[in-house]
Amino acid sequence: MKLVCPSYIAKRKDSLAFQLFSYMTAIVISILAVQAVAEQALVKAMLKVPASVKTEMLDLAHQANVLIEDGDMDELADWANAQHFYLFVLDENLQPLTHRLMHPHFEFKLKFKRSLDEQLEGKVSRPIFSIPLVGNNSLVIQLPHRLHPAHAFILYFSIIKVVIAAVILALFSLLMARNLQQPLDRLREASKRLSNGDFNVSVVDELQSNTREFNELAQDFDHMTREIHSLAEKQRRLIRDVSHELRTPLARQNLVLHLLRKRVGESEQSLVTRMEEEANELNHLIGEILEFSRLENARYDTELKRSDLEVLLVPQIERCKIDLKAGQGLYFASDAMRTKVQCDETLVVRCLNNLVGNAIKYAGESAHIEISLSNKSTDNNHYLAVTIADNGPGIPQGKLSDIFDPFTRLDASRDKKLGGYGLGLAIVKESMRMMGGKAMASNRLEGGLAVTLFFRQ
């Protein structure tokens, strides 16, 4: 056992259980040690005759000296009987100067008489004090139970125990929390970096912990990171390869349709046009799938820079007016005082085109589309809000949280014949995430849908 125990402790000293046990042992020993020192200090400081009682006893000694010098022993006896202390005036042989009878127990305790400055015991008793008088006489006084300072020691000791335990527990709790919180903070920071697409993070290197359980968790975290990175790469490669394989026959199909158009009659031209539209729509879908995949896997080459959003959006809004139908209108207004944000201009334009395109497509033939800029504060952060609102049918309230999911179709408010595959808003959401902002949708009180893009300022 002498060889096994040290080796076992050496192997387990980096475990969380051993560290917690060490902390608790240190806490208990510290509490007991500090409590013992505090109690000894309290005993030395307080186990004395109270100052008021000491003054009263010295005053009695002065009175006894006066009576002794007068020589009236009867008056001395009457004076002794009248005091609330049990006392006697003794000669140098410890015999009473008067004929007053002494209790045998008191006579026995004369062997243990003490001076007023001596320390008392830590328990309640009736000690006897001797005060020198004139002519080698002395005044012996018995201290009553009620005046013994140890009466309050139970309360004082209880308060000391609670205070010491609370202080030491607080100090060790702060120490333990600090030693446990730091690895958790580093792990949380690593998880944030991973969620942002940084697969190069190494938790083992960043954790710097002496606790075995934390290190094992970091190793598992790094293993999970490598697996997620591998899956993301496989997914990205699969989507790229599949998209490439689909676009190759589509290109050949477009060439065949172009040649076919020259060989068919007028009555078949509409069929060729329909086939070209379907091919173009499929090509557009493949492009959106690739775009969404790049954004979702944080592989888009974002170049965030500080730009004036109003200056960026105004010309793009004018270009969007070309796509408006006959009865539709597109309007822009801004009451923002600060319009500069950190953004990627390409992603901003993509978000605007997707949202305006959705409004043109789904808000109706007489759609009134409004784009507005405003400064807003929420969650203790300042944002520049870009709102694209229309007066269309809106979205069912229970489906608002789903419209940013990829391939979402809302049959109640979106007609499948209008086209689209539910990737436009998903791309908007991922684009805003890449730029550190967020996208929110809500139904307007007067009817219609409003999508707001929040750019952090």
Protein backbone atom coordinates (compact mmCIF):
# COMPACT_ATOMS: atom_id res chain seq x y z
CA MET A 1 0.00 0.00 0.00
CA LYS A 2 2.90 2.38 0.65
CA LEU A 3 3.94 2.09 -2.99
CA VAL A 4 0.46 1.98 -4.53
CA CYS A 5 -1.11 5.01 -2.84
CA PRO A 6 1.50 7.63 -3.89
CA SER A 7 1.50 6.37 -7.48
CA TYR A 8 -2.30 6.37 -7.57
CA ILE A 9 -2.39 9.94 -6.25
CA ALA A 10 0.25 10.99 -8.77
CA LYS A 11 -1.89 9.64 -11.59
CA ARG A 12 -5.09 11.18 -10.32
CA LYS A 13 -3.86 14.57 -9.08
CA ASP A 14 -4.82 16.21 -12.38
CA SER A 15 -8.41 14.96 -12.17
CA LEU A 16 -11.29 17.29 -11.37
CA ALA A 17 -12.41 15.10 -8.44
CA PHE A 18 -8.94 15.25 -6.85
CA GLN A 19 -8.77 19.03 -7.28
CA LEU A 20 -12.21 19.52 -5.74
CA PHE A 21 -11.24 17.20 -2.87
CA SER A 22 -8.05 19.24 -2.35
CA TYR A 23 -10.03 22.47 -2.30
CA MET A 24 -12.55 21.10 0.20
CA THR A 25 -9.78 19.74 2.44
CA ALA A 26 -8.04 23.11 2.39
CA ILE A 27 -11.33 24.82 3.20
CA VAL A 28 -12.06 22.59 6.21
CA ILE A 29 -8.52 22.84 7.60
CA SER A 30 -8.48 26.62 7.08
CA ILE A 31 -11.82 27.06 8.84
CA LEU A 32 -10.71 24.95 11.83
CA ALA A 33 -7.32 26.66 12.10
CA VAL A 34 -8.64 30.21 11.80
CA GLN A 35 -11.48 29.40 14.19
CA ALA A 36 -9.04 28.08 16.81
CA VAL A 37 -6.82 31.16 16.50
CA ALA A 38 -9.83 33.49 16.65
CA GLU A 39 -11.25 31.76 19.73
CA GLN A 40 -7.89 31.98 21.53
CA ALA A 41 -7.65 35.67 20.65
CA LEU A 42 -11.20 36.21 21.89
CA VAL A 43 -10.45 34.39 25.14
CA LYS A 44 -7.37 36.51 25.80
CA ALA A 45 -9.14 39.72 24.91
CA MET A 46 -12.42 39.20 26.76
CA LEU A 47 -11.80 36.81 29.67
CA LYS A 48 -11.03 39.67 32.02
CA VAL A 49 -13.05 41.24 34.79
CA PRO A 50 -15.30 43.78 33.06
CA ALA A 51 -14.02 47.33 33.48
CA SER A 52 -17.20 48.53 35.21
CA VAL A 53 -17.10 45.62 37.67
CA LYS A 54 -13.37 46.20 38.32
CA THR A 55 -14.03 49.86 39.06
CA GLU A 56 -16.84 48.93 41.44
CA MET A 57 -14.61 46.42 43.28
CA LEU A 58 -11.81 48.97 43.67
CA ASP A 59 -14.34 51.43 45.05
CA LEU A 60 -15.42 48.80 47.61
CA ALA A 61 -11.77 48.31 48.59
CA HIS A 62 -11.46 52.06 49.20
CA GLN A 63 -14.56 52.00 51.40
CA ALA A 64 -13.18 49.03 53.34
CA ASN A 65 -9.89 50.90 53.94
CA VAL A 66 -11.82 53.86 55.38
CA LEU A 67 -13.81 51.59 57.73
CA ILE A 68 -10.66 49.73 58.85
CA GLU A 69 -8.90 52.98 59.64
CA ASP A 70 -11.95 54.06 61.69
CA GLY A 71 -11.66 50.78 63.66
CA ASP A 72 -15.42 50.12 63.88
CA MET A 73 -15.65 46.37 63.13
CA ASP A 74 -19.42 46.23 63.67
CA GLU A 75 -19.91 48.90 61.04
CA LEU A 76 -17.50 46.98 58.79
CA ALA A 77 -19.60 43.82 59.23
CA ASP A 78 -22.83 45.70 58.46
CA TRP A 79 -21.18 47.24 55.40
CA ALA A 80 -20.10 43.81 54.13
CA ASN A 81 -23.58 42.35 54.61
CA ALA A 82 -25.16 45.27 52.70
CA GLN A 83 -23.16 44.70 49.47
CA HIS A 84 -24.59 42.74 46.51
CA PHE A 85 -21.19 40.99 46.20
CA TYR A 86 -20.35 38.12 48.56
CA LEU A 87 -17.18 39.53 50.17
CA PHE A 88 -15.04 39.46 53.31
CA VAL A 89 -12.30 41.61 54.78
CA LEU A 90 -9.44 39.27 55.85
CA ASP A 91 -6.31 39.75 57.87
CA GLU A 92 -2.85 38.56 56.88
CA ASN A 93 -3.78 35.02 58.10
CA LEU A 94 -6.85 34.97 55.85
CA GLN A 95 -9.17 35.24 58.83
CA PRO A 96 -12.21 37.60 58.82
CA LEU A 97 -11.76 40.82 60.73
CA THR A 98 -15.41 40.64 61.82
CA HIS A 99 -17.44 37.89 63.40
CA ARG A 100 -19.41 37.39 60.17
CA LEU A 101 -19.65 33.65 59.31
CA MET A 102 -17.95 32.48 56.11
CA HIS A 103 -19.44 29.76 53.90
CA PRO A 104 -17.20 26.63 53.89
CA HIS A 105 -17.13 26.55 50.08
CA PHE A 106 -15.99 30.15 50.00
CA GLU A 107 -13.33 29.36 52.59
CA PHE A 108 -12.09 26.47 50.42
CA LYS A 109 -11.88 28.68 47.35
CA LEU A 110 -9.63 31.16 49.16
CA LYS A 111 -6.76 28.89 48.06
CA PHE A 112 -7.47 29.90 44.47
CA LYS A 113 -7.97 33.63 44.91
CA ARG A 114 -6.54 35.84 42.16
CA SER A 115 -5.86 39.47 41.39
CA LEU A 116 -8.22 41.62 39.37
CA ASP A 117 -5.90 41.57 36.34
CA GLU A 118 -5.66 37.80 36.02
CA GLN A 119 -7.38 36.02 33.14
CA LEU A 120 -10.57 34.06 33.81
CA GLU A 121 -11.57 30.57 32.68
CA GLY A 122 -13.54 29.98 29.51
CA LYS A 123 -16.53 28.66 31.46
CA VAL A 124 -18.97 30.43 33.74
CA SER A 125 -17.90 30.17 37.41
CA ARG A 126 -17.69 32.30 40.58
CA PRO A 127 -13.99 33.14 40.95
CA ILE A 128 -12.66 34.98 44.04
CA PHE A 129 -10.53 38.12 43.73
CA SER A 130 -8.22 39.54 46.37
CA ILE A 131 -7.57 43.28 46.66
CA PRO A 132 -4.82 44.47 49.10
CA LEU A 133 -5.93 46.79 51.91
CA VAL A 134 -4.11 48.77 54.59
CA GLY A 135 -2.32 46.91 57.37
CA ASN A 136 -1.68 43.69 55.38
CA ASN A 137 -5.41 43.14 55.18
CA SER A 138 -7.23 42.18 52.00
CA LEU A 139 -10.68 42.36 50.51
CA VAL A 140 -11.84 39.11 48.88
CA ILE A 141 -14.82 39.34 46.53
CA GLN A 142 -16.67 36.57 44.76
CA LEU A 143 -17.72 37.38 41.17
CA PRO A 144 -21.41 36.43 40.59
CA HIS A 145 -22.40 34.13 37.73
CA ARG A 146 -24.32 36.89 35.95
CA LEU A 147 -21.25 39.14 35.72
CA HIS A 148 -18.86 36.52 34.31
CA PRO A 149 -17.80 37.53 30.73
CA ALA A 150 -17.98 33.91 29.53
CA HIS A 151 -21.78 34.26 29.49
CA ALA A 152 -21.61 35.85 26.03
CA PHE A 153 -18.99 33.46 24.66
CA ILE A 154 -21.51 31.01 23.17
CA LEU A 155 -22.95 33.82 21.06
CA TYR A 156 -19.52 35.21 20.17
CA PHE A 157 -18.14 31.79 19.22
CA SER A 158 -21.19 31.09 17.04
CA ILE A 159 -20.81 34.44 15.25
CA ILE A 160 -17.09 33.81 14.74
CA LYS A 161 -17.72 30.37 13.25
CA VAL A 162 -20.32 31.72 10.81
CA VAL A 163 -18.18 34.71 9.75
CA ILE A 164 -14.99 32.67 9.32
CA ALA A 165 -16.78 29.92 7.40
CA ALA A 166 -18.49 32.47 5.14
CA VAL A 167 -15.27 34.39 4.39
CA ILE A 168 -13.16 31.31 3.70
CA LEU A 169 -15.89 29.68 1.60
CA ALA A 170 -16.24 32.89 -0.43
CA LEU A 171 -12.48 33.09 -1.04
CA PHE A 172 -12.16 29.45 -2.06
CA SER A 173 -15.33 29.66 -4.15
CA LEU A 174 -13.85 32.59 -6.08
CA LEU A 175 -10.62 30.64 -6.54
CA MET A 176 -12.45 27.51 -7.70
CA ALA A 177 -14.74 29.49 -9.99
CA ARG A 178 -11.73 31.22 -11.54
CA ASN A 179 -9.89 27.95 -12.16
CA LEU A 180 -13.00 26.34 -13.62
CA GLN A 181 -14.32 29.39 -15.49
CA GLN A 182 -11.19 30.10 -17.51
CA PRO A 183 -11.16 26.74 -19.36
CA LEU A 184 -14.91 27.05 -19.96
CA ASP A 185 -14.48 30.55 -21.39
CA ARG A 186 -11.74 29.33 -23.72
CA LEU A 187 -13.92 26.40 -24.78
CA ARG A 188 -16.84 28.75 -25.44
CA GLU A 189 -14.61 31.05 -27.51
CA ALA A 190 -13.40 28.08 -29.52
CA SER A 191 -16.98 26.95 -30.15
CA LYS A 192 -17.86 30.45 -31.40
CA ARG A 193 -14.97 30.38 -33.83
CA LEU A 194 -16.05 26.96 -35.04
CA SER A 195 -19.65 28.16 -35.53
CA ASN A 196 -18.25 31.00 -37.67
CA GLY A 197 -16.55 28.49 -39.94
CA ASP A 198 -13.02 28.59 -38.50
CA PHE A 199 -12.03 24.93 -38.62
CA ASN A 200 -8.39 25.70 -37.79
CA VAL A 201 -9.18 26.24 -34.12
CA SER A 202 -7.36 23.87 -31.72
CA VAL A 203 -9.03 23.71 -28.33
CA VAL A 204 -6.21 21.61 -26.82
CA ASP A 205 -3.69 24.34 -27.62
CA GLU A 206 -5.94 27.18 -26.44
CA LEU A 207 -7.36 25.53 -23.31
CA GLN A 208 -4.08 25.38 -21.34
CA SER A 209 -5.74 23.51 -18.48
CA ASN A 210 -4.18 21.28 -15.83
CA THR A 211 -7.43 19.37 -15.36
CA ARG A 212 -7.56 16.00 -17.07
CA GLU A 213 -11.32 16.08 -17.72
CA PHE A 214 -11.05 19.46 -19.47
CA ASN A 215 -8.17 18.24 -21.61
CA GLU A 216 -10.12 15.12 -22.59
CA LEU A 217 -13.11 17.30 -23.46
CA ALA A 218 -10.82 19.52 -25.56
CA GLN A 219 -9.50 16.48 -27.42
CA ASP A 220 -13.05 15.30 -28.12
CA PHE A 221 -13.93 18.82 -29.26
CA ASP A 222 -10.98 18.88 -31.68
CA HIS A 223 -11.98 15.46 -32.99
CA MET A 224 -15.53 16.73 -33.52
CA THR A 225 -14.13 19.81 -35.32
CA ARG A 226 -12.14 17.62 -37.71
CA GLU A 227 -15.19 15.47 -38.41
CA ILE A 228 -17.41 18.50 -39.06
CA HIS A 229 -14.74 20.00 -41.31
CA SER A 230 -14.50 16.76 -43.23
CA LEU A 231 -18.29 16.54 -43.64
CA ALA A 232 -18.50 20.19 -44.72
CA GLU A 233 -15.77 19.64 -47.30
CA LYS A 234 -17.50 16.54 -48.62
CA GLN A 235 -20.81 18.39 -48.82
CA ARG A 236 -19.25 21.35 -50.59
CA ARG A 237 -17.42 19.08 -53.04
CA LEU A 238 -20.57 17.05 -53.68
CA ILE A 239 -22.67 20.13 -54.40
CA ARG A 240 -19.96 21.56 -56.65
CA ASP A 241 -19.54 18.33 -58.57
CA VAL A 242 -23.26 17.70 -58.92
CA SER A 243 -23.86 21.28 -60.03
CA HIS A 244 -21.06 21.02 -62.58
CA GLU A 245 -22.43 17.74 -63.90
CA LEU A 246 -25.88 19.29 -64.21
CA ARG A 247 -24.69 22.44 -65.92
CA THR A 248 -22.79 20.53 -68.62
CA PRO A 249 -25.87 18.80 -70.10
CA LEU A 250 -27.84 22.03 -69.60
CA ALA A 251 -25.34 23.88 -71.78
CA ARG A 252 -25.64 21.20 -74.45
CA GLN A 253 -29.42 21.33 -74.13
CA ASN A 254 -29.42 25.12 -74.68
CA LEU A 255 -27.32 24.64 -77.80
CA VAL A 256 -29.70 21.99 -79.12
CA LEU A 257 -32.70 24.24 -78.38
CA HIS A 258 -31.02 27.10 -80.22
CA LEU A 259 -30.51 24.86 -83.27
CA LEU A 260 -33.99 23.40 -82.92
CA ARG A 261 -35.60 26.86 -82.97
CA LYS A 262 -34.32 27.39 -86.52
CA ARG A 263 -35.77 24.12 -87.75
CA VAL A 264 -39.29 24.13 -86.32
CA GLY A 265 -42.27 26.00 -87.62
CA GLU A 266 -44.06 28.94 -86.07
CA SER A 267 -46.57 26.73 -84.26
CA GLU A 268 -43.79 24.92 -82.35
CA GLN A 269 -41.83 28.05 -81.39
CA SER A 270 -43.77 28.41 -78.11
CA LEU A 271 -42.73 24.91 -77.06
CA VAL A 272 -39.09 25.70 -77.69
CA THR A 273 -39.47 28.94 -75.72
CA ARG A 274 -41.03 27.03 -72.84
CA MET A 275 -38.15 24.54 -72.84
CA GLU A 276 -35.60 27.38 -72.84
CA GLU A 277 -37.36 29.01 -69.87
CA GLU A 278 -37.32 25.73 -67.96
CA ALA A 279 -33.63 25.26 -68.73
CA ASN A 280 -32.84 28.82 -67.62
CA GLU A 281 -34.83 28.31 -64.42
CA LEU A 282 -32.94 25.11 -63.67
CA ASN A 283 -29.64 26.87 -64.33
CA HIS A 284 -30.72 29.68 -61.98
CA LEU A 285 -31.63 27.13 -59.28
CA ILE A 286 -28.21 25.50 -59.53
CA GLY A 287 -26.59 28.90 -59.11
CA GLU A 288 -28.64 29.65 -56.00
CA ILE A 289 -27.84 26.25 -54.50
CA LEU A 290 -24.13 26.91 -54.98
CA GLU A 291 -24.45 30.40 -53.52
CA PHE A 292 -26.36 29.16 -50.48
CA SER A 293 -23.88 26.33 -49.95
CA ARG A 294 -20.95 28.76 -49.96
CA LEU A 295 -22.65 31.05 -47.45
CA GLU A 296 -23.87 28.28 -45.16
CA ASN A 297 -20.43 26.71 -44.96
CA ALA A 298 -18.77 30.09 -44.39
CA ARG A 299 -16.70 29.70 -47.53
CA TYR A 300 -17.79 32.91 -49.17
CA ASP A 301 -14.89 35.30 -49.61
CA THR A 302 -16.36 38.15 -47.62
CA GLU A 303 -14.63 41.51 -47.75
CA LEU A 304 -16.21 43.56 -44.99
CA LYS A 305 -15.46 47.25 -45.24
CA ARG A 306 -17.08 50.40 -43.99
CA SER A 307 -19.51 51.63 -46.63
CA ASP A 308 -22.29 54.19 -46.88
CA LEU A 309 -25.34 51.96 -47.27
CA GLU A 310 -27.58 54.72 -48.61
CA VAL A 311 -25.08 55.57 -51.35
CA LEU A 312 -24.82 51.87 -52.20
CA LEU A 313 -28.58 51.15 -52.27
CA VAL A 314 -29.99 54.17 -54.15
CA PRO A 315 -28.58 53.30 -57.63
CA GLN A 316 -29.41 49.62 -57.14
CA ILE A 317 -33.02 50.50 -56.29
CA GLU A 318 -33.25 52.45 -59.54
CA ARG A 319 -32.07 49.33 -61.42
CA CYS A 320 -34.73 47.22 -59.66
CA LYS A 321 -37.46 49.52 -61.03
CA ILE A 322 -36.82 48.05 -64.48
CA ASP A 323 -38.30 44.74 -63.27
CA LEU A 324 -41.54 46.31 -61.96
CA LYS A 325 -44.84 45.31 -63.54
CA ALA A 326 -47.21 47.88 -65.00
CA GLY A 327 -49.19 48.68 -61.85
CA GLN A 328 -46.38 48.35 -59.32
CA GLY A 329 -44.32 51.06 -57.62
CA LEU A 330 -40.97 51.07 -55.79
CA TYR A 331 -40.17 53.91 -53.38
CA PHE A 332 -37.22 54.78 -51.15
CA ALA A 333 -37.07 56.90 -47.97
CA SER A 334 -34.43 57.43 -45.29
CA ASP A 335 -34.49 59.12 -41.89
CA ALA A 336 -31.17 57.56 -40.73
CA MET A 337 -28.60 59.93 -39.27
CA ARG A 338 -25.75 57.40 -39.55
CA THR A 339 -25.66 55.29 -42.71
CA LYS A 340 -22.14 53.82 -42.67
CA VAL A 341 -21.77 50.15 -41.68
CA GLN A 342 -19.35 47.25 -41.99
CA CYS A 343 -20.61 45.16 -44.91
CA ASP A 344 -19.81 43.29 -48.10
CA GLU A 345 -21.23 45.32 -50.99
CA THR A 346 -21.82 42.25 -53.17
CA LEU A 347 -23.84 40.54 -50.43
CA VAL A 348 -25.84 43.71 -49.71
CA VAL A 349 -26.83 44.02 -53.37
CA ARG A 350 -27.73 40.32 -53.46
CA CYS A 351 -29.98 40.69 -50.39
CA LEU A 352 -31.71 43.73 -51.86
CA ASN A 353 -32.31 42.05 -55.22
CA ASN A 354 -33.72 38.91 -53.58
CA LEU A 355 -36.12 40.84 -51.31
CA VAL A 356 -37.29 43.28 -53.97
CA GLY A 357 -37.65 40.41 -56.45
CA ASN A 358 -39.82 38.51 -53.94
CA ALA A 359 -42.01 41.57 -53.39
CA ILE A 360 -42.43 42.13 -57.14
CA LYS A 361 -43.29 38.48 -57.64
CA TYR A 362 -45.64 37.86 -54.69
CA ALA A 363 -47.13 41.21 -53.58
CA GLY A 364 -49.59 41.46 -56.46
CA GLU A 365 -50.11 43.34 -59.71
CA SER A 366 -50.56 46.68 -57.91
CA ALA A 367 -47.82 46.19 -55.34
CA HIS A 368 -46.58 49.23 -53.43
CA ILE A 369 -43.01 48.45 -52.35
CA GLU A 370 -41.27 50.70 -49.85
CA ILE A 371 -37.57 50.61 -48.93
CA SER A 372 -36.57 52.63 -45.86
CA LEU A 373 -33.44 53.26 -43.79
CA SER A 374 -33.48 54.05 -40.05
CA ASN A 375 -31.23 53.88 -37.01
CA LYS A 376 -32.39 51.44 -34.32
CA SER A 377 -31.07 50.19 -31.00
CA THR A 378 -31.83 46.74 -29.66
CA ASP A 379 -30.07 44.24 -27.40
CA ASN A 380 -27.76 47.09 -26.28
CA ASN A 381 -26.44 47.34 -29.85
CA HIS A 382 -26.85 50.03 -32.50
CA TYR A 383 -28.04 49.01 -35.97
CA LEU A 384 -28.80 50.54 -39.33
CA ALA A 385 -32.10 48.95 -40.35
CA VAL A 386 -33.04 48.45 -44.01
CA THR A 387 -36.74 47.57 -44.32
CA ILE A 388 -38.34 46.24 -47.53
CA ALA A 389 -42.13 46.35 -47.08
CA ASP A 390 -45.01 45.62 -49.46
CA ASN A 391 -48.80 45.72 -49.35
CA GLY A 392 -49.32 42.15 -50.50
CA PRO A 393 -51.11 39.28 -48.74
CA GLY A 394 -48.33 38.84 -46.16
CA ILE A 395 -47.36 35.57 -44.46
CA PRO A 396 -49.41 33.42 -42.05
CA GLN A 397 -48.28 34.42 -38.56
CA GLY A 398 -47.30 30.87 -37.63
CA LYS A 399 -45.04 30.57 -40.68
CA LEU A 400 -43.00 33.76 -40.22
CA SER A 401 -40.19 31.92 -38.46
CA ASP A 402 -39.93 29.40 -41.32
CA ILE A 403 -39.54 31.66 -44.34
CA PHE A 404 -35.74 31.94 -43.95
CA ASP A 405 -35.33 28.15 -44.10
CA PRO A 406 -34.13 26.79 -47.46
CA PHE A 407 -36.71 25.30 -49.86
CA THR A 408 -39.63 26.59 -47.79
CA ARG A 409 -42.94 26.92 -49.65
CA LEU A 410 -45.93 28.71 -48.19
CA ASP A 411 -48.88 27.62 -50.32
CA ALA A 412 -51.34 29.87 -48.52
CA SER A 413 -49.57 33.04 -49.55
CA ARG A 414 -47.22 32.06 -52.37
CA ASP A 415 -48.38 30.69 -55.70
CA LYS A 416 -46.09 27.97 -57.02
CA LYS A 417 -46.81 29.13 -60.56
CA LEU A 418 -44.87 32.31 -59.79
CA GLY A 419 -41.63 30.33 -59.63
CA GLY A 420 -38.90 30.27 -57.04
CA TYR A 421 -37.56 27.45 -54.92
CA GLY A 422 -37.39 28.96 -51.41
CA LEU A 423 -33.68 29.82 -51.49
CA GLY A 424 -33.89 33.60 -51.84
CA LEU A 425 -34.65 34.38 -48.19
CA ALA A 426 -32.31 31.62 -46.99
CA ILE A 427 -29.49 33.34 -48.90
CA VAL A 428 -30.51 36.67 -47.33
CA LYS A 429 -30.30 35.17 -43.84
CA GLU A 430 -26.89 33.58 -44.43
CA SER A 431 -25.56 36.76 -46.06
CA MET A 432 -26.57 38.83 -43.03
CA ARG A 433 -24.98 36.27 -40.73
CA MET A 434 -21.72 36.54 -42.69
CA MET A 435 -21.79 40.32 -42.23
CA GLY A 436 -22.51 40.10 -38.49
CA GLY A 437 -26.11 41.28 -38.80
CA LYS A 438 -29.51 39.62 -38.82
CA ALA A 439 -32.74 39.47 -40.82
CA MET A 440 -36.28 39.58 -39.37
CA ALA A 441 -39.72 39.34 -40.98
CA SER A 442 -43.07 40.61 -39.73
CA ASN A 443 -46.57 41.29 -41.04
CA ARG A 444 -47.58 44.93 -41.33
CA LEU A 445 -50.66 46.12 -39.45
CA GLU A 446 -52.07 47.65 -42.64
CA GLY A 447 -51.38 44.43 -44.53
CA GLY A 448 -48.34 43.09 -46.32
CA LEU A 449 -44.93 41.74 -45.40
CA ALA A 450 -41.93 43.67 -44.04
CA VAL A 451 -38.43 42.19 -43.98
CA THR A 452 -35.84 44.18 -42.00
CA LEU A 453 -32.07 43.78 -42.36
CA PHE A 454 -30.11 44.87 -39.29
CA PHE A 455 -26.52 45.98 -40.00
CA ARG A 456 -24.38 46.41 -36.90
CA GLN A 457 -22.86 49.88 -36.56
